[in-house]
Amino acid sequence: MRDRYSGPARLVRAEGDEASEEALGPPEPGEVIWRDDAGVTCRKWNWRQVARTRITEETVNALFVLERLEPMTMEELKAAGEELGDLLSELSPEVRISTRLVPGRK
């Protein structure tokens, strides 16, 4: 999945004219989307991954983004990330996992 990105992944509000391979068409202006230099990679609050960047059996490098809104705490978010890492390690014992916390804006 990560190998299929063109440039960095960015969480932005859509302009409405972004390239999108989805049957739903381009995102609505102001819709929160993930995108790269080639266009939309994920939308609808992170549940509509486009085919170009989705995880498949051939995926070697993947990026999982975990987001939170109140009332979820940072501790709960960290626990969810640790659980994901544990499950990935069970499926693929040789997996290498790194994490990075990106603080939100207030």
N, C-alpha and C. Protein backbone atom coordinates (compact mmCIF):
# COMPACT_ATOMS: atom_id res chain seq x y z
N MET A 1 0.82 -1.18 0.00
CA MET A 1 0.00 0.00 0.00
C MET A 1 0.87 1.25 0.00
N ARG A 2 1.78 1.39 0.94
CA ARG A 2 2.61 2.59 1.01
C ARG A 2 3.44 2.76 -0.25
N ASP A 3 3.85 1.65 -0.85
CA ASP A 3 4.64 1.73 -2.07
C ASP A 3 3.85 2.28 -3.25
N ARG A 4 2.54 2.31 -3.14
CA ARG A 4 1.70 2.80 -4.23
C ARG A 4 1.34 4.28 -4.11
N TYR A 5 1.80 4.92 -3.05
CA TYR A 5 1.53 6.35 -2.87
C TYR A 5 2.43 7.17 -3.78
N SER A 6 1.92 8.29 -4.22
CA SER A 6 2.69 9.26 -4.99
C SER A 6 2.85 10.48 -4.09
N GLY A 7 4.01 10.57 -3.46
CA GLY A 7 4.22 11.66 -2.51
C GLY A 7 3.62 11.32 -1.16
N PRO A 8 3.65 12.26 -0.23
CA PRO A 8 3.18 11.99 1.12
C PRO A 8 1.66 11.90 1.23
N ALA A 9 1.21 11.12 2.21
CA ALA A 9 -0.21 11.06 2.53
C ALA A 9 -0.56 12.31 3.32
N ARG A 10 -1.70 12.93 2.97
CA ARG A 10 -2.11 14.15 3.64
C ARG A 10 -3.59 14.08 3.98
N LEU A 11 -3.96 14.49 5.18
CA LEU A 11 -5.34 14.60 5.60
C LEU A 11 -5.76 16.04 5.36
N VAL A 12 -6.72 16.23 4.46
CA VAL A 12 -7.12 17.58 4.07
C VAL A 12 -8.63 17.65 3.86
N ARG A 13 -9.12 18.86 3.72
CA ARG A 13 -10.50 19.06 3.29
C ARG A 13 -10.47 19.19 1.77
N ALA A 14 -11.34 18.46 1.11
CA ALA A 14 -11.36 18.40 -0.35
C ALA A 14 -11.77 19.73 -0.96
N GLU A 15 -11.18 19.99 -2.11
CA GLU A 15 -11.61 21.13 -2.93
C GLU A 15 -12.86 20.73 -3.73
N GLY A 16 -12.97 19.41 -4.02
CA GLY A 16 -14.10 18.90 -4.80
C GLY A 16 -13.73 18.51 -6.21
N ASP A 17 -12.51 18.82 -6.62
CA ASP A 17 -12.08 18.49 -7.99
C ASP A 17 -10.91 17.50 -8.00
N GLU A 18 -10.67 16.84 -6.85
CA GLU A 18 -9.57 15.88 -6.76
C GLU A 18 -9.86 14.64 -7.61
N ALA A 19 -8.80 14.10 -8.21
CA ALA A 19 -8.94 12.85 -8.96
C ALA A 19 -9.32 11.75 -7.99
N SER A 20 -10.32 10.93 -8.40
CA SER A 20 -10.76 9.83 -7.55
C SER A 20 -11.21 8.69 -8.45
N GLU A 21 -10.74 7.47 -8.14
CA GLU A 21 -11.11 6.32 -8.95
C GLU A 21 -12.41 5.68 -8.47
N GLU A 22 -13.03 6.24 -7.46
CA GLU A 22 -14.25 5.67 -6.89
C GLU A 22 -15.46 5.86 -7.79
N ALA A 23 -16.36 4.90 -7.74
CA ALA A 23 -17.63 5.01 -8.47
C ALA A 23 -18.47 6.14 -7.90
N LEU A 24 -18.20 6.53 -6.65
CA LEU A 24 -18.94 7.61 -6.03
C LEU A 24 -18.59 8.97 -6.62
N GLY A 25 -17.56 9.03 -7.43
CA GLY A 25 -17.14 10.29 -8.02
C GLY A 25 -16.23 11.06 -7.08
N PRO A 26 -15.93 12.31 -7.44
CA PRO A 26 -15.02 13.11 -6.62
C PRO A 26 -15.66 13.44 -5.27
N PRO A 27 -14.84 13.75 -4.28
CA PRO A 27 -15.38 14.12 -2.98
C PRO A 27 -16.10 15.46 -3.04
N GLU A 28 -16.97 15.67 -2.09
CA GLU A 28 -17.67 16.95 -1.98
C GLU A 28 -16.70 18.01 -1.46
N PRO A 29 -16.84 19.26 -1.89
CA PRO A 29 -16.00 20.31 -1.33
C PRO A 29 -16.14 20.35 0.19
N GLY A 30 -15.01 20.38 0.89
CA GLY A 30 -15.02 20.41 2.34
C GLY A 30 -14.99 19.05 3.01
N GLU A 31 -15.23 17.98 2.22
CA GLU A 31 -15.20 16.62 2.79
C GLU A 31 -13.78 16.31 3.26
N VAL A 32 -13.65 15.66 4.40
CA VAL A 32 -12.34 15.27 4.91
C VAL A 32 -11.87 14.04 4.13
N ILE A 33 -10.69 14.15 3.52
CA ILE A 33 -10.14 13.06 2.72
C ILE A 33 -8.66 12.86 3.04
N TRP A 34 -8.19 11.67 2.72
CA TRP A 34 -6.75 11.41 2.65
C TRP A 34 -6.40 11.46 1.17
N ARG A 35 -5.27 12.07 0.86
CA ARG A 35 -4.85 12.16 -0.54
C ARG A 35 -3.33 12.14 -0.63
N ASP A 36 -2.87 11.90 -1.85
CA ASP A 36 -1.45 12.05 -2.15
C ASP A 36 -1.36 12.94 -3.38
N ASP A 37 -0.20 12.98 -4.03
CA ASP A 37 -0.04 13.85 -5.19
C ASP A 37 -0.89 13.42 -6.38
N ALA A 38 -1.30 12.14 -6.43
CA ALA A 38 -2.09 11.64 -7.55
C ALA A 38 -3.59 11.79 -7.35
N GLY A 39 -4.03 12.06 -6.12
CA GLY A 39 -5.47 12.23 -5.88
C GLY A 39 -5.91 11.58 -4.58
N VAL A 40 -7.20 11.29 -4.49
CA VAL A 40 -7.81 10.73 -3.28
C VAL A 40 -7.29 9.31 -3.05
N THR A 41 -6.92 9.01 -1.80
CA THR A 41 -6.52 7.66 -1.42
C THR A 41 -7.53 7.03 -0.48
N CYS A 42 -8.24 7.84 0.27
CA CYS A 42 -9.23 7.31 1.22
C CYS A 42 -10.18 8.45 1.59
N ARG A 43 -11.46 8.09 1.77
CA ARG A 43 -12.43 9.11 2.13
C ARG A 43 -13.52 8.53 3.00
N LYS A 44 -14.50 9.33 3.31
CA LYS A 44 -15.62 8.93 4.17
C LYS A 44 -15.10 8.55 5.55
N TRP A 45 -14.27 9.42 6.12
CA TRP A 45 -13.67 9.22 7.44
C TRP A 45 -12.97 7.88 7.54
N ASN A 46 -12.16 7.62 6.54
CA ASN A 46 -11.21 6.51 6.55
C ASN A 46 -11.84 5.13 6.39
N TRP A 47 -12.98 5.02 5.77
CA TRP A 47 -13.51 3.67 5.51
C TRP A 47 -13.68 3.39 4.03
N ARG A 48 -13.35 4.32 3.14
CA ARG A 48 -13.44 4.09 1.70
C ARG A 48 -12.05 4.19 1.08
N GLN A 49 -11.27 3.13 1.21
CA GLN A 49 -9.92 3.08 0.64
C GLN A 49 -10.04 2.82 -0.86
N VAL A 50 -9.31 3.57 -1.67
CA VAL A 50 -9.34 3.36 -3.11
C VAL A 50 -8.49 2.14 -3.47
N ALA A 51 -8.76 1.55 -4.62
CA ALA A 51 -8.07 0.32 -5.04
C ALA A 51 -6.56 0.53 -5.17
N ARG A 52 -6.14 1.70 -5.64
CA ARG A 52 -4.72 1.95 -5.88
C ARG A 52 -3.88 1.78 -4.63
N THR A 53 -4.40 2.13 -3.46
CA THR A 53 -3.59 2.11 -2.25
C THR A 53 -4.08 1.11 -1.20
N ARG A 54 -5.02 0.24 -1.56
CA ARG A 54 -5.52 -0.71 -0.56
C ARG A 54 -4.51 -1.83 -0.31
N ILE A 55 -4.63 -2.47 0.84
CA ILE A 55 -3.74 -3.55 1.22
C ILE A 55 -4.20 -4.84 0.55
N THR A 56 -3.25 -5.56 -0.05
CA THR A 56 -3.53 -6.84 -0.71
C THR A 56 -2.50 -7.87 -0.24
N GLU A 57 -2.59 -9.08 -0.75
CA GLU A 57 -1.61 -10.11 -0.40
C GLU A 57 -0.21 -9.74 -0.86
N GLU A 58 -0.10 -8.87 -1.84
CA GLU A 58 1.21 -8.47 -2.36
C GLU A 58 1.81 -7.29 -1.60
N THR A 59 1.08 -6.71 -0.68
CA THR A 59 1.56 -5.54 0.05
C THR A 59 2.80 -5.88 0.87
N VAL A 60 3.81 -5.04 0.77
CA VAL A 60 5.04 -5.21 1.54
C VAL A 60 5.15 -4.11 2.61
N ASN A 61 4.82 -2.89 2.26
CA ASN A 61 4.88 -1.76 3.19
C ASN A 61 3.49 -1.17 3.34
N ALA A 62 3.02 -1.08 4.57
CA ALA A 62 1.68 -0.57 4.82
C ALA A 62 1.72 0.55 5.84
N LEU A 63 0.72 1.38 5.78
CA LEU A 63 0.56 2.49 6.71
C LEU A 63 -0.83 2.38 7.30
N PHE A 64 -0.91 2.31 8.61
CA PHE A 64 -2.19 2.30 9.32
C PHE A 64 -2.29 3.61 10.07
N VAL A 65 -3.35 4.35 9.84
CA VAL A 65 -3.58 5.60 10.54
C VAL A 65 -4.72 5.37 11.52
N LEU A 66 -4.44 5.62 12.78
CA LEU A 66 -5.47 5.53 13.81
C LEU A 66 -5.79 6.95 14.25
N GLU A 67 -7.05 7.30 14.23
CA GLU A 67 -7.48 8.64 14.59
C GLU A 67 -8.39 8.56 15.80
N ARG A 68 -8.53 9.66 16.48
CA ARG A 68 -9.44 9.68 17.62
C ARG A 68 -10.15 11.02 17.71
N LEU A 69 -11.33 10.97 18.25
CA LEU A 69 -12.08 12.16 18.63
C LEU A 69 -12.51 11.96 20.07
N GLU A 70 -12.74 13.05 20.77
CA GLU A 70 -13.26 12.96 22.13
C GLU A 70 -14.58 12.20 22.08
N PRO A 71 -14.88 11.36 23.03
CA PRO A 71 -14.24 11.22 24.33
C PRO A 71 -13.13 10.17 24.38
N MET A 72 -12.72 9.60 23.24
CA MET A 72 -11.62 8.62 23.28
C MET A 72 -10.37 9.31 23.80
N THR A 73 -9.67 8.64 24.71
CA THR A 73 -8.46 9.21 25.28
C THR A 73 -7.23 8.80 24.48
N MET A 74 -6.14 9.50 24.69
CA MET A 74 -4.87 9.13 24.04
C MET A 74 -4.43 7.74 24.50
N GLU A 75 -4.69 7.40 25.74
CA GLU A 75 -4.33 6.08 26.24
C GLU A 75 -5.10 4.99 25.49
N GLU A 76 -6.38 5.23 25.24
CA GLU A 76 -7.18 4.26 24.48
C GLU A 76 -6.69 4.14 23.05
N LEU A 77 -6.30 5.25 22.46
CA LEU A 77 -5.77 5.23 21.10
C LEU A 77 -4.46 4.44 21.05
N LYS A 78 -3.57 4.69 22.00
CA LYS A 78 -2.31 3.95 22.07
C LYS A 78 -2.56 2.46 22.26
N ALA A 79 -3.53 2.12 23.11
CA ALA A 79 -3.87 0.71 23.34
C ALA A 79 -4.38 0.07 22.05
N ALA A 80 -5.17 0.79 21.27
CA ALA A 80 -5.68 0.26 20.00
C ALA A 80 -4.52 0.01 19.04
N GLY A 81 -3.55 0.93 19.00
CA GLY A 81 -2.38 0.74 18.15
C GLY A 81 -1.55 -0.46 18.58
N GLU A 82 -1.39 -0.63 19.88
CA GLU A 82 -0.64 -1.79 20.39
C GLU A 82 -1.35 -3.09 20.05
N GLU A 83 -2.68 -3.10 20.17
CA GLU A 83 -3.45 -4.30 19.82
C GLU A 83 -3.30 -4.62 18.34
N LEU A 84 -3.36 -3.59 17.48
CA LEU A 84 -3.16 -3.81 16.05
C LEU A 84 -1.78 -4.40 15.80
N GLY A 85 -0.76 -3.83 16.43
CA GLY A 85 0.60 -4.35 16.27
C GLY A 85 0.73 -5.80 16.72
N ASP A 86 0.09 -6.13 17.83
CA ASP A 86 0.13 -7.51 18.32
C ASP A 86 -0.52 -8.46 17.32
N LEU A 87 -1.67 -8.06 16.78
CA LEU A 87 -2.37 -8.92 15.81
C LEU A 87 -1.56 -9.08 14.52
N LEU A 88 -0.94 -7.99 14.06
CA LEU A 88 -0.11 -8.08 12.86
C LEU A 88 1.09 -9.00 13.11
N SER A 89 1.66 -8.93 14.32
CA SER A 89 2.80 -9.79 14.66
C SER A 89 2.39 -11.26 14.69
N GLU A 90 1.17 -11.55 15.12
CA GLU A 90 0.69 -12.93 15.12
C GLU A 90 0.55 -13.45 13.68
N LEU A 91 0.05 -12.59 12.79
CA LEU A 91 -0.15 -12.99 11.39
C LEU A 91 1.16 -13.08 10.62
N SER A 92 2.09 -12.22 10.97
CA SER A 92 3.36 -12.16 10.25
C SER A 92 4.47 -11.88 11.26
N PRO A 93 5.04 -12.94 11.86
CA PRO A 93 6.03 -12.77 12.93
C PRO A 93 7.24 -11.92 12.56
N GLU A 94 7.55 -11.77 11.28
CA GLU A 94 8.72 -10.99 10.89
C GLU A 94 8.40 -9.52 10.62
N VAL A 95 7.17 -9.12 10.90
CA VAL A 95 6.75 -7.75 10.64
C VAL A 95 7.60 -6.77 11.46
N ARG A 96 7.90 -5.63 10.87
CA ARG A 96 8.57 -4.53 11.57
C ARG A 96 7.56 -3.42 11.73
N ILE A 97 7.38 -2.96 12.95
CA ILE A 97 6.38 -1.96 13.25
C ILE A 97 7.05 -0.73 13.85
N SER A 98 6.68 0.43 13.33
CA SER A 98 7.12 1.68 13.96
C SER A 98 5.88 2.56 14.12
N THR A 99 5.89 3.36 15.13
CA THR A 99 4.75 4.23 15.39
C THR A 99 5.21 5.67 15.51
N ARG A 100 4.28 6.56 15.23
CA ARG A 100 4.55 7.98 15.37
C ARG A 100 3.27 8.66 15.81
N LEU A 101 3.34 9.45 16.84
CA LEU A 101 2.20 10.20 17.32
C LEU A 101 2.24 11.59 16.70
N VAL A 102 1.17 11.95 16.04
CA VAL A 102 1.05 13.28 15.46
C VAL A 102 -0.01 14.02 16.28
N PRO A 103 0.39 14.95 17.12
CA PRO A 103 -0.58 15.63 17.97
C PRO A 103 -1.61 16.39 17.14
N GLY A 104 -2.83 16.38 17.63
CA GLY A 104 -3.90 17.11 16.95
C GLY A 104 -3.86 18.58 17.30
N ARG A 105 -4.65 19.32 16.57
CA ARG A 105 -4.77 20.77 16.83
C ARG A 105 -5.91 21.00 17.79
N LYS A 106 -5.80 22.04 18.55
CA LYS A 106 -6.88 22.41 19.47
C LYS A 106 -7.57 23.64 18.98
